[in-house]
Amino acid sequence: MNHILIGAIFVLSLRLSLLLIVFALGLIAASLRAFESEPMRAKRLARKKQKELRALADRIASYAQSVHQRYPTGDVVVSERDLAERLRRRQDIVVTALNLLLNEQKVQRAPLNGYWKLNV
């Protein structure tokens, strides 16, 4: 009986210690964000925006691959508006991601304004 009580106390104290450590780490993270300087905040937000833009560009490239697999004989041409609706993003953000892909030569502007040919 005594061993069970000691084991239970040990488990509870271990859990409490872990809980306190997690709480302290969360408090430190929140404090760092609250007291970060404006340039550091701007830099963090720019990195986050760039990461989201890269993820969107990758989704567009993946979409081009899937459309090309369904229709292998033709070009994959999409409108900015339709692509924005499909990806549930604002059109200006989709255009920015398409321009990123344009620099990587993964897309081309189509002759019709607002349309893009996705290179597969």
PDB file of N, CA and C in Angstrom:
ATOM      1  N   MET A   1       0.828  -1.198   0.000  1.00  0.00           N
ATOM      2  CA  MET A   1       0.000   0.000   0.000  1.00  0.00           C
ATOM      3  C   MET A   1       0.869   1.256   0.000  1.00  0.00           C
ATOM      4  N   ASN A   2       1.954   1.209   0.753  1.00  0.00           N
ATOM      5  CA  ASN A   2       2.835   2.357   0.857  1.00  0.00           C
ATOM      6  C   ASN A   2       3.519   2.654  -0.471  1.00  0.00           C
ATOM      7  N   HIS A   3       3.866   1.589  -1.231  1.00  0.00           N
ATOM      8  CA  HIS A   3       4.523   1.766  -2.525  1.00  0.00           C
ATOM      9  C   HIS A   3       3.578   2.415  -3.530  1.00  0.00           C
ATOM     10  N   ILE A   4       2.309   2.073  -3.466  1.00  0.00           N
ATOM     11  CA  ILE A   4       1.313   2.647  -4.378  1.00  0.00           C
ATOM     12  C   ILE A   4       1.164   4.139  -4.119  1.00  0.00           C
ATOM     13  N   LEU A   5       1.129   4.529  -2.868  1.00  0.00           N
ATOM     14  CA  LEU A   5       0.990   5.935  -2.496  1.00  0.00           C
ATOM     15  C   LEU A   5       2.216   6.733  -2.941  1.00  0.00           C
ATOM     16  N   ILE A   6       3.396   6.179  -2.745  1.00  0.00           N
ATOM     17  CA  ILE A   6       4.620   6.855  -3.153  1.00  0.00           C
ATOM     18  C   ILE A   6       4.650   6.986  -4.684  1.00  0.00           C
ATOM     19  N   GLY A   7       4.262   5.939  -5.406  1.00  0.00           N
ATOM     20  CA  GLY A   7       4.211   5.978  -6.868  1.00  0.00           C
ATOM     21  C   GLY A   7       3.224   7.022  -7.370  1.00  0.00           C
ATOM     22  N   ALA A   8       2.067   7.119  -6.724  1.00  0.00           N
ATOM     23  CA  ALA A   8       1.063   8.101  -7.120  1.00  0.00           C
ATOM     24  C   ALA A   8       1.572   9.515  -6.891  1.00  0.00           C
ATOM     25  N   ILE A   9       2.227   9.737  -5.770  1.00  0.00           N
ATOM     26  CA  ILE A   9       2.772  11.072  -5.482  1.00  0.00           C
ATOM     27  C   ILE A   9       3.852  11.426  -6.494  1.00  0.00           C
ATOM     28  N   PHE A  10       4.687  10.444  -6.846  1.00  0.00           N
ATOM     29  CA  PHE A  10       5.745  10.677  -7.831  1.00  0.00           C
ATOM     30  C   PHE A  10       5.156  11.055  -9.186  1.00  0.00           C
ATOM     31  N   VAL A  11       4.138  10.333  -9.635  1.00  0.00           N
ATOM     32  CA  VAL A  11       3.504  10.612 -10.926  1.00  0.00           C
ATOM     33  C   VAL A  11       2.865  11.999 -10.909  1.00  0.00           C
ATOM     34  N   LEU A  12       2.169  12.334  -9.828  1.00  0.00           N
ATOM     35  CA  LEU A  12       1.537  13.654  -9.736  1.00  0.00           C
ATOM     36  C   LEU A  12       2.579  14.763  -9.724  1.00  0.00           C
ATOM     37  N   SER A  13       3.677  14.575  -8.995  1.00  0.00           N
ATOM     38  CA  SER A  13       4.693  15.615  -8.947  1.00  0.00           C
ATOM     39  C   SER A  13       5.385  15.745 -10.304  1.00  0.00           C
ATOM     40  N   LEU A  14       5.554  14.632 -11.027  1.00  0.00           N
ATOM     41  CA  LEU A  14       6.148  14.686 -12.361  1.00  0.00           C
ATOM     42  C   LEU A  14       5.231  15.447 -13.321  1.00  0.00           C
ATOM     43  N   ARG A  15       3.945  15.156 -13.268  1.00  0.00           N
ATOM     44  CA  ARG A  15       2.981  15.856 -14.124  1.00  0.00           C
ATOM     45  C   ARG A  15       2.925  17.338 -13.783  1.00  0.00           C
ATOM     46  N   LEU A  16       2.944  17.664 -12.500  1.00  0.00           N
ATOM     47  CA  LEU A  16       2.916  19.062 -12.083  1.00  0.00           C
ATOM     48  C   LEU A  16       4.174  19.775 -12.560  1.00  0.00           C
ATOM     49  N   SER A  17       5.314  19.115 -12.474  1.00  0.00           N
ATOM     50  CA  SER A  17       6.567  19.710 -12.940  1.00  0.00           C
ATOM     51  C   SER A  17       6.507  19.977 -14.442  1.00  0.00           C
ATOM     52  N   LEU A  18       6.021  19.014 -15.207  1.00  0.00           N
ATOM     53  CA  LEU A  18       5.894  19.203 -16.649  1.00  0.00           C
ATOM     54  C   LEU A  18       4.927  20.336 -16.987  1.00  0.00           C
ATOM     55  N   LEU A  19       3.840  20.393 -16.254  1.00  0.00           N
ATOM     56  CA  LEU A  19       2.856  21.453 -16.463  1.00  0.00           C
ATOM     57  C   LEU A  19       3.475  22.817 -16.183  1.00  0.00           C
ATOM     58  N   LEU A  20       4.243  22.930 -15.125  1.00  0.00           N
ATOM     59  CA  LEU A  20       4.892  24.197 -14.791  1.00  0.00           C
ATOM     60  C   LEU A  20       5.925  24.584 -15.847  1.00  0.00           C
ATOM     61  N   ILE A  21       6.662  23.609 -16.368  1.00  0.00           N
ATOM     62  CA  ILE A  21       7.648  23.895 -17.405  1.00  0.00           C
ATOM     63  C   ILE A  21       6.958  24.398 -18.668  1.00  0.00           C
ATOM     64  N   VAL A  22       5.880  23.740 -19.086  1.00  0.00           N
ATOM     65  CA  VAL A  22       5.140  24.158 -20.282  1.00  0.00           C
ATOM     66  C   VAL A  22       4.560  25.552 -20.081  1.00  0.00           C
ATOM     67  N   PHE A  23       4.023  25.815 -18.907  1.00  0.00           N
ATOM     68  CA  PHE A  23       3.466  27.131 -18.597  1.00  0.00           C
ATOM     69  C   PHE A  23       4.555  28.196 -18.664  1.00  0.00           C
ATOM     70  N   ALA A  24       5.724  27.913 -18.097  1.00  0.00           N
ATOM     71  CA  ALA A  24       6.830  28.871 -18.098  1.00  0.00           C
ATOM     72  C   ALA A  24       7.304  29.156 -19.522  1.00  0.00           C
ATOM     73  N   LEU A  25       7.401  28.112 -20.351  1.00  0.00           N
ATOM     74  CA  LEU A  25       7.812  28.317 -21.744  1.00  0.00           C
ATOM     75  C   LEU A  25       6.800  29.155 -22.510  1.00  0.00           C
ATOM     76  N   GLY A  26       5.534  28.912 -22.263  1.00  0.00           N
ATOM     77  CA  GLY A  26       4.487  29.721 -22.898  1.00  0.00           C
ATOM     78  C   GLY A  26       4.552  31.166 -22.465  1.00  0.00           C
ATOM     79  N   LEU A  27       4.807  31.383 -21.193  1.00  0.00           N
ATOM     80  CA  LEU A  27       4.926  32.737 -20.656  1.00  0.00           C
ATOM     81  C   LEU A  27       6.128  33.452 -21.267  1.00  0.00           C
ATOM     82  N   ILE A  28       7.230  32.737 -21.422  1.00  0.00           N
ATOM     83  CA  ILE A  28       8.428  33.324 -22.032  1.00  0.00           C
ATOM     84  C   ILE A  28       8.148  33.693 -23.486  1.00  0.00           C
ATOM     85  N   ALA A  29       7.492  32.798 -24.230  1.00  0.00           N
ATOM     86  CA  ALA A  29       7.179  33.066 -25.638  1.00  0.00           C
ATOM     87  C   ALA A  29       6.261  34.280 -25.768  1.00  0.00           C
ATOM     88  N   ALA A  30       5.261  34.364 -24.914  1.00  0.00           N
ATOM     89  CA  ALA A  30       4.341  35.506 -24.957  1.00  0.00           C
ATOM     90  C   ALA A  30       5.073  36.795 -24.601  1.00  0.00           C
ATOM     91  N   SER A  31       5.965  36.736 -23.652  1.00  0.00           N
ATOM     92  CA  SER A  31       6.725  37.924 -23.253  1.00  0.00           C
ATOM     93  C   SER A  31       7.633  38.395 -24.380  1.00  0.00           C
ATOM     94  N   LEU A  32       8.269  37.458 -25.063  1.00  0.00           N
ATOM     95  CA  LEU A  32       9.142  37.840 -26.168  1.00  0.00           C
ATOM     96  C   LEU A  32       8.363  38.551 -27.262  1.00  0.00           C
ATOM     97  N   ARG A  33       7.175  38.067 -27.548  1.00  0.00           N
ATOM     98  CA  ARG A  33       6.342  38.718 -28.572  1.00  0.00           C
ATOM     99  C   ARG A  33       5.876  40.090 -28.108  1.00  0.00           C
ATOM    100  N   ALA A  34       5.504  40.182 -26.831  1.00  0.00           N
ATOM    101  CA  ALA A  34       4.977  41.449 -26.316  1.00  0.00           C
ATOM    102  C   ALA A  34       6.045  42.535 -26.295  1.00  0.00           C
ATOM    103  N   PHE A  35       7.285  42.150 -26.079  1.00  0.00           N
ATOM    104  CA  PHE A  35       8.347  43.138 -25.927  1.00  0.00           C
ATOM    105  C   PHE A  35       9.295  43.215 -27.126  1.00  0.00           C
ATOM    106  N   GLU A  36       8.918  42.575 -28.250  1.00  0.00           N
ATOM    107  CA  GLU A  36       9.803  42.651 -29.403  1.00  0.00           C
ATOM    108  C   GLU A  36       9.717  44.036 -30.033  1.00  0.00           C
ATOM    109  N   SER A  37      10.801  44.471 -30.635  1.00  0.00           N
ATOM    110  CA  SER A  37      10.855  45.799 -31.237  1.00  0.00           C
ATOM    111  C   SER A  37      10.069  45.799 -32.562  1.00  0.00           C
ATOM    112  N   GLU A  38       9.760  46.998 -33.017  1.00  0.00           N
ATOM    113  CA  GLU A  38       9.010  47.138 -34.274  1.00  0.00           C
ATOM    114  C   GLU A  38       9.769  46.547 -35.463  1.00  0.00           C
ATOM    115  N   PRO A  39      11.079  46.801 -35.582  1.00  0.00           N
ATOM    116  CA  PRO A  39      11.785  46.181 -36.712  1.00  0.00           C
ATOM    117  C   PRO A  39      11.760  44.649 -36.651  1.00  0.00           C
ATOM    118  N   MET A  40      11.882  44.089 -35.466  1.00  0.00           N
ATOM    119  CA  MET A  40      11.843  42.636 -35.335  1.00  0.00           C
ATOM    120  C   MET A  40      10.450  42.105 -35.662  1.00  0.00           C
ATOM    121  N   ARG A  41       9.418  42.813 -35.239  1.00  0.00           N
ATOM    122  CA  ARG A  41       8.045  42.419 -35.540  1.00  0.00           C
ATOM    123  C   ARG A  41       7.800  42.467 -37.046  1.00  0.00           C
ATOM    124  N   ALA A  42       8.273  43.537 -37.679  1.00  0.00           N
ATOM    125  CA  ALA A  42       8.097  43.672 -39.125  1.00  0.00           C
ATOM    126  C   ALA A  42       8.834  42.550 -39.852  1.00  0.00           C
ATOM    127  N   LYS A  43      10.022  42.220 -39.376  1.00  0.00           N
ATOM    128  CA  LYS A  43      10.802  41.150 -39.990  1.00  0.00           C
ATOM    129  C   LYS A  43      10.097  39.797 -39.826  1.00  0.00           C
ATOM    130  N   ARG A  44       9.553  39.529 -38.639  1.00  0.00           N
ATOM    131  CA  ARG A  44       8.834  38.281 -38.379  1.00  0.00           C
ATOM    132  C   ARG A  44       7.599  38.170 -39.270  1.00  0.00           C
ATOM    133  N   LEU A  45       6.855  39.274 -39.389  1.00  0.00           N
ATOM    134  CA  LEU A  45       5.654  39.271 -40.226  1.00  0.00           C
ATOM    135  C   LEU A  45       5.995  39.110 -41.702  1.00  0.00           C
ATOM    136  N   ALA A  46       7.114  39.702 -42.135  1.00  0.00           N
ATOM    137  CA  ALA A  46       7.540  39.553 -43.532  1.00  0.00           C
ATOM    138  C   ALA A  46       7.920  38.099 -43.816  1.00  0.00           C
ATOM    139  N   ARG A  47       8.611  37.450 -42.862  1.00  0.00           N
ATOM    140  CA  ARG A  47       8.958  36.034 -43.046  1.00  0.00           C
ATOM    141  C   ARG A  47       7.704  35.174 -43.110  1.00  0.00           C
ATOM    142  N   LYS A  48       6.729  35.494 -42.264  1.00  0.00           N
ATOM    143  CA  LYS A  48       5.477  34.739 -42.258  1.00  0.00           C
ATOM    144  C   LYS A  48       4.734  34.918 -43.584  1.00  0.00           C
ATOM    145  N   LYS A  49       4.691  36.147 -44.073  1.00  0.00           N
ATOM    146  CA  LYS A  49       4.014  36.421 -45.344  1.00  0.00           C
ATOM    147  C   LYS A  49       4.713  35.692 -46.486  1.00  0.00           C
ATOM    148  N   GLN A  50       6.054  35.702 -46.487  1.00  0.00           N
ATOM    149  CA  GLN A  50       6.808  35.021 -47.536  1.00  0.00           C
ATOM    150  C   GLN A  50       6.562  33.518 -47.490  1.00  0.00           C
ATOM    151  N   LYS A  51       6.493  32.967 -46.291  1.00  0.00           N
ATOM    152  CA  LYS A  51       6.243  31.530 -46.136  1.00  0.00           C
ATOM    153  C   LYS A  51       4.843  31.166 -46.652  1.00  0.00           C
ATOM    154  N   GLU A  52       3.847  31.998 -46.348  1.00  0.00           N
ATOM    155  CA  GLU A  52       2.486  31.761 -46.829  1.00  0.00           C
ATOM    156  C   GLU A  52       2.410  31.893 -48.356  1.00  0.00           C
ATOM    157  N   LEU A  53       3.149  32.858 -48.895  1.00  0.00           N
ATOM    158  CA  LEU A  53       3.175  33.058 -50.344  1.00  0.00           C
ATOM    159  C   LEU A  53       3.808  31.853 -51.035  1.00  0.00           C
ATOM    160  N   ARG A  54       4.877  31.335 -50.451  1.00  0.00           N
ATOM    161  CA  ARG A  54       5.537  30.145 -51.011  1.00  0.00           C
ATOM    162  C   ARG A  54       4.591  28.950 -50.980  1.00  0.00           C
ATOM    163  N   ALA A  55       3.855  28.797 -49.878  1.00  0.00           N
ATOM    164  CA  ALA A  55       2.901  27.692 -49.765  1.00  0.00           C
ATOM    165  C   ALA A  55       1.800  27.825 -50.814  1.00  0.00           C
ATOM    166  N   LEU A  56       1.332  29.047 -51.055  1.00  0.00           N
ATOM    167  CA  LEU A  56       0.303  29.272 -52.073  1.00  0.00           C
ATOM    168  C   LEU A  56       0.849  28.968 -53.469  1.00  0.00           C
ATOM    169  N   ALA A  57       2.062  29.387 -53.737  1.00  0.00           N
ATOM    170  CA  ALA A  57       2.678  29.093 -55.036  1.00  0.00           C
ATOM    171  C   ALA A  57       2.810  27.587 -55.234  1.00  0.00           C
ATOM    172  N   ASP A  58       3.176  26.887 -54.192  1.00  0.00           N
ATOM    173  CA  ASP A  58       3.276  25.421 -54.282  1.00  0.00           C
ATOM    174  C   ASP A  58       1.914  24.787 -54.532  1.00  0.00           C
ATOM    175  N   ARG A  59       0.861  25.340 -53.923  1.00  0.00           N
ATOM    176  CA  ARG A  59      -0.490  24.828 -54.160  1.00  0.00           C
ATOM    177  C   ARG A  59      -0.912  25.061 -55.605  1.00  0.00           C
ATOM    178  N   ILE A  60      -0.532  26.203 -56.171  1.00  0.00           N
ATOM    179  CA  ILE A  60      -0.862  26.496 -57.564  1.00  0.00           C
ATOM    180  C   ILE A  60      -0.143  25.511 -58.478  1.00  0.00           C
ATOM    181  N   ALA A  61       1.129  25.266 -58.218  1.00  0.00           N
ATOM    182  CA  ALA A  61       1.897  24.319 -59.028  1.00  0.00           C
ATOM    183  C   ALA A  61       1.307  22.915 -58.907  1.00  0.00           C
ATOM    184  N   SER A  62       0.893  22.546 -57.724  1.00  0.00           N
ATOM    185  CA  SER A  62       0.279  21.239 -57.505  1.00  0.00           C
ATOM    186  C   SER A  62      -1.051  21.140 -58.248  1.00  0.00           C
ATOM    187  N   TYR A  63      -1.820  22.215 -58.232  1.00  0.00           N
ATOM    188  CA  TYR A  63      -3.085  22.255 -58.961  1.00  0.00           C
ATOM    189  C   TYR A  63      -2.832  22.064 -60.462  1.00  0.00           C
ATOM    190  N   ALA A  64      -1.795  22.720 -60.980  1.00  0.00           N
ATOM    191  CA  ALA A  64      -1.457  22.579 -62.400  1.00  0.00           C
ATOM    192  C   ALA A  64      -1.130  21.129 -62.734  1.00  0.00           C
ATOM    193  N   GLN A  65      -0.393  20.470 -61.851  1.00  0.00           N
ATOM    194  CA  GLN A  65      -0.056  19.063 -62.068  1.00  0.00           C
ATOM    195  C   GLN A  65      -1.309  18.197 -62.118  1.00  0.00           C
ATOM    196  N   SER A  66      -2.224  18.426 -61.184  1.00  0.00           N
ATOM    197  CA  SER A  66      -3.435  17.593 -61.137  1.00  0.00           C
ATOM    198  C   SER A  66      -4.315  17.819 -62.358  1.00  0.00           C
ATOM    199  N   VAL A  67      -4.431  19.062 -62.809  1.00  0.00           N
ATOM    200  CA  VAL A  67      -5.235  19.339 -64.011  1.00  0.00           C
ATOM    201  C   VAL A  67      -4.571  18.705 -65.228  1.00  0.00           C
ATOM    202  N   HIS A  68      -3.259  18.809 -65.300  1.00  0.00           N
ATOM    203  CA  HIS A  68      -2.546  18.219 -66.436  1.00  0.00           C
ATOM    204  C   HIS A  68      -2.675  16.696 -66.454  1.00  0.00           C
ATOM    205  N   GLN A  69      -2.723  16.072 -65.294  1.00  0.00           N
ATOM    206  CA  GLN A  69      -2.901  14.615 -65.250  1.00  0.00           C
ATOM    207  C   GLN A  69      -4.279  14.220 -65.759  1.00  0.00           C
ATOM    208  N   ARG A  70      -5.292  15.049 -65.454  1.00  0.00           N
ATOM    209  CA  ARG A  70      -6.646  14.754 -65.942  1.00  0.00           C
ATOM    210  C   ARG A  70      -6.783  15.010 -67.426  1.00  0.00           C
ATOM    211  N   TYR A  71      -6.120  16.070 -67.925  1.00  0.00           N
ATOM    212  CA  TYR A  71      -6.202  16.447 -69.336  1.00  0.00           C
ATOM    213  C   TYR A  71      -4.780  16.573 -69.892  1.00  0.00           C
ATOM    214  N   PRO A  72      -4.136  15.473 -70.205  1.00  0.00           N
ATOM    215  CA  PRO A  72      -2.711  15.502 -70.559  1.00  0.00           C
ATOM    216  C   PRO A  72      -2.380  16.094 -71.925  1.00  0.00           C
ATOM    217  N   THR A  73      -3.356  16.286 -72.785  1.00  0.00           N
ATOM    218  CA  THR A  73      -3.030  16.715 -74.146  1.00  0.00           C
ATOM    219  C   THR A  73      -2.978  18.229 -74.323  1.00  0.00           C
ATOM    220  N   GLY A  74      -3.562  18.998 -73.430  1.00  0.00           N
ATOM    221  CA  GLY A  74      -3.624  20.443 -73.628  1.00  0.00           C
ATOM    222  C   GLY A  74      -2.828  21.216 -72.595  1.00  0.00           C
ATOM    223  N   ASP A  75      -2.791  22.535 -72.801  1.00  0.00           N
ATOM    224  CA  ASP A  75      -2.147  23.423 -71.839  1.00  0.00           C
ATOM    225  C   ASP A  75      -3.087  23.682 -70.671  1.00  0.00           C
ATOM    226  N   VAL A  76      -2.510  23.985 -69.536  1.00  0.00           N
ATOM    227  CA  VAL A  76      -3.309  24.343 -68.365  1.00  0.00           C
ATOM    228  C   VAL A  76      -3.327  25.864 -68.294  1.00  0.00           C
ATOM    229  N   VAL A  77      -4.474  26.450 -68.607  1.00  0.00           N
ATOM    230  CA  VAL A  77      -4.634  27.901 -68.594  1.00  0.00           C
ATOM    231  C   VAL A  77      -5.728  28.227 -67.588  1.00  0.00           C
ATOM    232  N   VAL A  78      -5.426  29.170 -66.675  1.00  0.00           N
ATOM    233  CA  VAL A  78      -6.394  29.540 -65.635  1.00  0.00           C
ATOM    234  C   VAL A  78      -6.519  31.052 -65.567  1.00  0.00           C
ATOM    235  N   SER A  79      -7.671  31.490 -65.117  1.00  0.00           N
ATOM    236  CA  SER A  79      -7.838  32.918 -64.887  1.00  0.00           C
ATOM    237  C   SER A  79      -7.479  33.209 -63.434  1.00  0.00           C
ATOM    238  N   GLU A  80      -6.986  34.406 -63.209  1.00  0.00           N
ATOM    239  CA  GLU A  80      -6.616  34.812 -61.846  1.00  0.00           C
ATOM    240  C   GLU A  80      -7.827  34.712 -60.921  1.00  0.00           C
ATOM    241  N   ARG A  81      -8.972  35.144 -61.424  1.00  0.00           N
ATOM    242  CA  ARG A  81     -10.177  35.158 -60.597  1.00  0.00           C
ATOM    243  C   ARG A  81     -10.632  33.749 -60.231  1.00  0.00           C
ATOM    244  N   ASP A  82     -10.671  32.861 -61.224  1.00  0.00           N
ATOM    245  CA  ASP A  82     -11.094  31.484 -60.958  1.00  0.00           C
ATOM    246  C   ASP A  82     -10.134  30.781 -60.006  1.00  0.00           C
ATOM    247  N   LEU A  83      -8.845  31.021 -60.201  1.00  0.00           N
ATOM    248  CA  LEU A  83      -7.843  30.409 -59.331  1.00  0.00           C
ATOM    249  C   LEU A  83      -7.974  30.929 -57.903  1.00  0.00           C
ATOM    250  N   ALA A  84      -8.233  32.214 -57.766  1.00  0.00           N
ATOM    251  CA  ALA A  84      -8.416  32.801 -56.433  1.00  0.00           C
ATOM    252  C   ALA A  84      -9.639  32.196 -55.735  1.00  0.00           C
ATOM    253  N   GLU A  85     -10.715  32.012 -56.480  1.00  0.00           N
ATOM    254  CA  GLU A  85     -11.915  31.400 -55.897  1.00  0.00           C
ATOM    255  C   GLU A  85     -11.666  29.951 -55.518  1.00  0.00           C
ATOM    256  N   ARG A  86     -10.974  29.218 -56.365  1.00  0.00           N
ATOM    257  CA  ARG A  86     -10.694  27.803 -56.103  1.00  0.00           C
ATOM    258  C   ARG A  86      -9.828  27.641 -54.856  1.00  0.00           C
ATOM    259  N   LEU A  87      -8.830  28.530 -54.710  1.00  0.00           N
ATOM    260  CA  LEU A  87      -7.905  28.439 -53.578  1.00  0.00           C
ATOM    261  C   LEU A  87      -8.384  29.227 -52.354  1.00  0.00           C
ATOM    262  N   ARG A  88      -9.514  29.899 -52.513  1.00  0.00           N
ATOM    263  CA  ARG A  88     -10.112  30.689 -51.434  1.00  0.00           C
ATOM    264  C   ARG A  88      -9.143  31.733 -50.875  1.00  0.00           C
ATOM    265  N   ARG A  89      -8.543  32.457 -51.805  1.00  0.00           N
ATOM    266  CA  ARG A  89      -7.612  33.528 -51.472  1.00  0.00           C
ATOM    267  C   ARG A  89      -8.003  34.770 -52.242  1.00  0.00           C
ATOM    268  N   ARG A  90      -7.508  35.914 -51.770  1.00  0.00           N
ATOM    269  CA  ARG A  90      -7.774  37.150 -52.497  1.00  0.00           C
ATOM    270  C   ARG A  90      -7.028  37.117 -53.822  1.00  0.00           C
ATOM    271  N   GLN A  91      -7.611  37.749 -54.816  1.00  0.00           N
ATOM    272  CA  GLN A  91      -7.047  37.707 -56.159  1.00  0.00           C
ATOM    273  C   GLN A  91      -5.660  38.347 -56.201  1.00  0.00           C
ATOM    274  N   ASP A  92      -5.436  39.437 -55.487  1.00  0.00           N
ATOM    275  CA  ASP A  92      -4.132  40.094 -55.513  1.00  0.00           C
ATOM    276  C   ASP A  92      -3.031  39.204 -54.925  1.00  0.00           C
ATOM    277  N   ILE A  93      -3.374  38.394 -53.935  1.00  0.00           N
ATOM    278  CA  ILE A  93      -2.391  37.481 -53.344  1.00  0.00           C
ATOM    279  C   ILE A  93      -2.065  36.356 -54.330  1.00  0.00           C
ATOM    280  N   VAL A  94      -3.092  35.877 -55.037  1.00  0.00           N
ATOM    281  CA  VAL A  94      -2.869  34.839 -56.046  1.00  0.00           C
ATOM    282  C   VAL A  94      -1.981  35.379 -57.166  1.00  0.00           C
ATOM    283  N   VAL A  95      -2.200  36.620 -57.574  1.00  0.00           N
ATOM    284  CA  VAL A  95      -1.373  37.232 -58.625  1.00  0.00           C
ATOM    285  C   VAL A  95       0.075  37.349 -58.145  1.00  0.00           C
ATOM    286  N   THR A  96       0.272  37.701 -56.892  1.00  0.00           N
ATOM    287  CA  THR A  96       1.630  37.777 -56.336  1.00  0.00           C
ATOM    288  C   THR A  96       2.301  36.408 -56.366  1.00  0.00           C
ATOM    289  N   ALA A  97       1.558  35.368 -56.004  1.00  0.00           N
ATOM    290  CA  ALA A  97       2.100  34.007 -56.046  1.00  0.00           C
ATOM    291  C   ALA A  97       2.396  33.591 -57.485  1.00  0.00           C
ATOM    292  N   LEU A  98       1.530  33.970 -58.412  1.00  0.00           N
ATOM    293  CA  LEU A  98       1.782  33.661 -59.822  1.00  0.00           C
ATOM    294  C   LEU A  98       3.033  34.377 -60.323  1.00  0.00           C
ATOM    295  N   ASN A  99       3.249  35.602 -59.893  1.00  0.00           N
ATOM    296  CA  ASN A  99       4.461  36.329 -60.278  1.00  0.00           C
ATOM    297  C   ASN A  99       5.710  35.657 -59.700  1.00  0.00           C
ATOM    298  N   LEU A 100       5.589  35.103 -58.500  1.00  0.00           N
ATOM    299  CA  LEU A 100       6.688  34.339 -57.917  1.00  0.00           C
ATOM    300  C   LEU A 100       7.001  33.131 -58.795  1.00  0.00           C
ATOM    301  N   LEU A 101       5.953  32.436 -59.234  1.00  0.00           N
ATOM    302  CA  LEU A 101       6.132  31.294 -60.134  1.00  0.00           C
ATOM    303  C   LEU A 101       6.650  31.735 -61.503  1.00  0.00           C
ATOM    304  N   LEU A 102       6.271  32.937 -61.934  1.00  0.00           N
ATOM    305  CA  LEU A 102       6.762  33.472 -63.206  1.00  0.00           C
ATOM    306  C   LEU A 102       8.273  33.656 -63.153  1.00  0.00           C
ATOM    307  N   ASN A 103       8.773  34.163 -62.028  1.00  0.00           N
ATOM    308  CA  ASN A 103      10.221  34.325 -61.858  1.00  0.00           C
ATOM    309  C   ASN A 103      10.938  32.980 -61.873  1.00  0.00           C
ATOM    310  N   GLU A 104      10.258  31.934 -61.449  1.00  0.00           N
ATOM    311  CA  GLU A 104      10.828  30.588 -61.443  1.00  0.00           C
ATOM    312  C   GLU A 104      10.557  29.861 -62.762  1.00  0.00           C
ATOM    313  N   GLN A 105       9.923  30.538 -63.700  1.00  0.00           N
ATOM    314  CA  GLN A 105       9.562  30.018 -65.024  1.00  0.00           C
ATOM    315  C   GLN A 105       8.643  28.794 -64.933  1.00  0.00           C
ATOM    316  N   LYS A 106       7.760  28.790 -63.943  1.00  0.00           N
ATOM    317  CA  LYS A 106       6.788  27.707 -63.795  1.00  0.00           C
ATOM    318  C   LYS A 106       5.435  28.094 -64.374  1.00  0.00           C
ATOM    319  N   VAL A 107       5.276  29.370 -64.706  1.00  0.00           N
ATOM    320  CA  VAL A 107       4.054  29.853 -65.357  1.00  0.00           C
ATOM    321  C   VAL A 107       4.455  30.866 -66.427  1.00  0.00           C
ATOM    322  N   GLN A 108       3.490  31.155 -67.309  1.00  0.00           N
ATOM    323  CA  GLN A 108       3.656  32.200 -68.321  1.00  0.00           C
ATOM    324  C   GLN A 108       2.371  33.009 -68.366  1.00  0.00           C
ATOM    325  N   ARG A 109       2.498  34.251 -68.735  1.00  0.00           N
ATOM    326  CA  ARG A 109       1.289  35.041 -68.956  1.00  0.00           C
ATOM    327  C   ARG A 109       0.650  34.579 -70.263  1.00  0.00           C
ATOM    328  N   ALA A 110      -0.644  34.388 -70.230  1.00  0.00           N
ATOM    329  CA  ALA A 110      -1.377  34.026 -71.446  1.00  0.00           C
ATOM    330  C   ALA A 110      -1.670  35.311 -72.226  1.00  0.00           C
ATOM    331  N   PRO A 111      -1.940  35.178 -73.521  1.00  0.00           N
ATOM    332  CA  PRO A 111      -2.230  36.374 -74.322  1.00  0.00           C
ATOM    333  C   PRO A 111      -3.442  37.166 -73.820  1.00  0.00           C
ATOM    334  N   LEU A 112      -4.392  36.484 -73.226  1.00  0.00           N
ATOM    335  CA  LEU A 112      -5.582  37.155 -72.719  1.00  0.00           C
ATOM    336  C   LEU A 112      -5.291  37.716 -71.328  1.00  0.00           C
ATOM    337  N   ASN A 113      -5.605  38.979 -71.118  1.00  0.00           N
ATOM    338  CA  ASN A 113      -5.315  39.645 -69.849  1.00  0.00           C
ATOM    339  C   ASN A 113      -6.012  38.940 -68.676  1.00  0.00           C
ATOM    340  N   GLY A 114      -5.279  38.673 -67.611  1.00  0.00           N
ATOM    341  CA  GLY A 114      -5.847  38.037 -66.431  1.00  0.00           C
ATOM    342  C   GLY A 114      -5.787  36.515 -66.468  1.00  0.00           C
ATOM    343  N   TYR A 115      -5.154  35.957 -67.501  1.00  0.00           N
ATOM    344  CA  TYR A 115      -5.030  34.505 -67.630  1.00  0.00           C
ATOM    345  C   TYR A 115      -3.557  34.108 -67.622  1.00  0.00           C
ATOM    346  N   TRP A 116      -3.310  32.926 -67.100  1.00  0.00           N
ATOM    347  CA  TRP A 116      -1.954  32.404 -66.990  1.00  0.00           C
ATOM    348  C   TRP A 116      -1.895  30.973 -67.504  1.00  0.00           C
ATOM    349  N   LYS A 117      -0.780  30.652 -68.172  1.00  0.00           N
ATOM    350  CA  LYS A 117      -0.530  29.279 -68.594  1.00  0.00           C
ATOM    351  C   LYS A 117       0.412  28.678 -67.563  1.00  0.00           C
ATOM    352  N   LEU A 118      -0.023  27.585 -66.959  1.00  0.00           N
ATOM    353  CA  LEU A 118       0.771  26.913 -65.935  1.00  0.00           C
ATOM    354  C   LEU A 118       1.639  25.862 -66.606  1.00  0.00           C
ATOM    355  N   ASN A 119       2.951  26.034 -66.517  1.00  0.00           N
ATOM    356  CA  ASN A 119       3.888  25.086 -67.117  1.00  0.00           C
ATOM    357  C   ASN A 119       3.920  23.827 -66.264  1.00  0.00           C
ATOM    358  N   VAL A 120       3.834  22.693 -66.932  1.00  0.00           N
ATOM    359  CA  VAL A 120       3.813  21.425 -66.195  1.00  0.00           C
ATOM    360  C   VAL A 120       5.055  20.625 -66.507  1.00  0.00           C
TER     361      VAL A 120
END
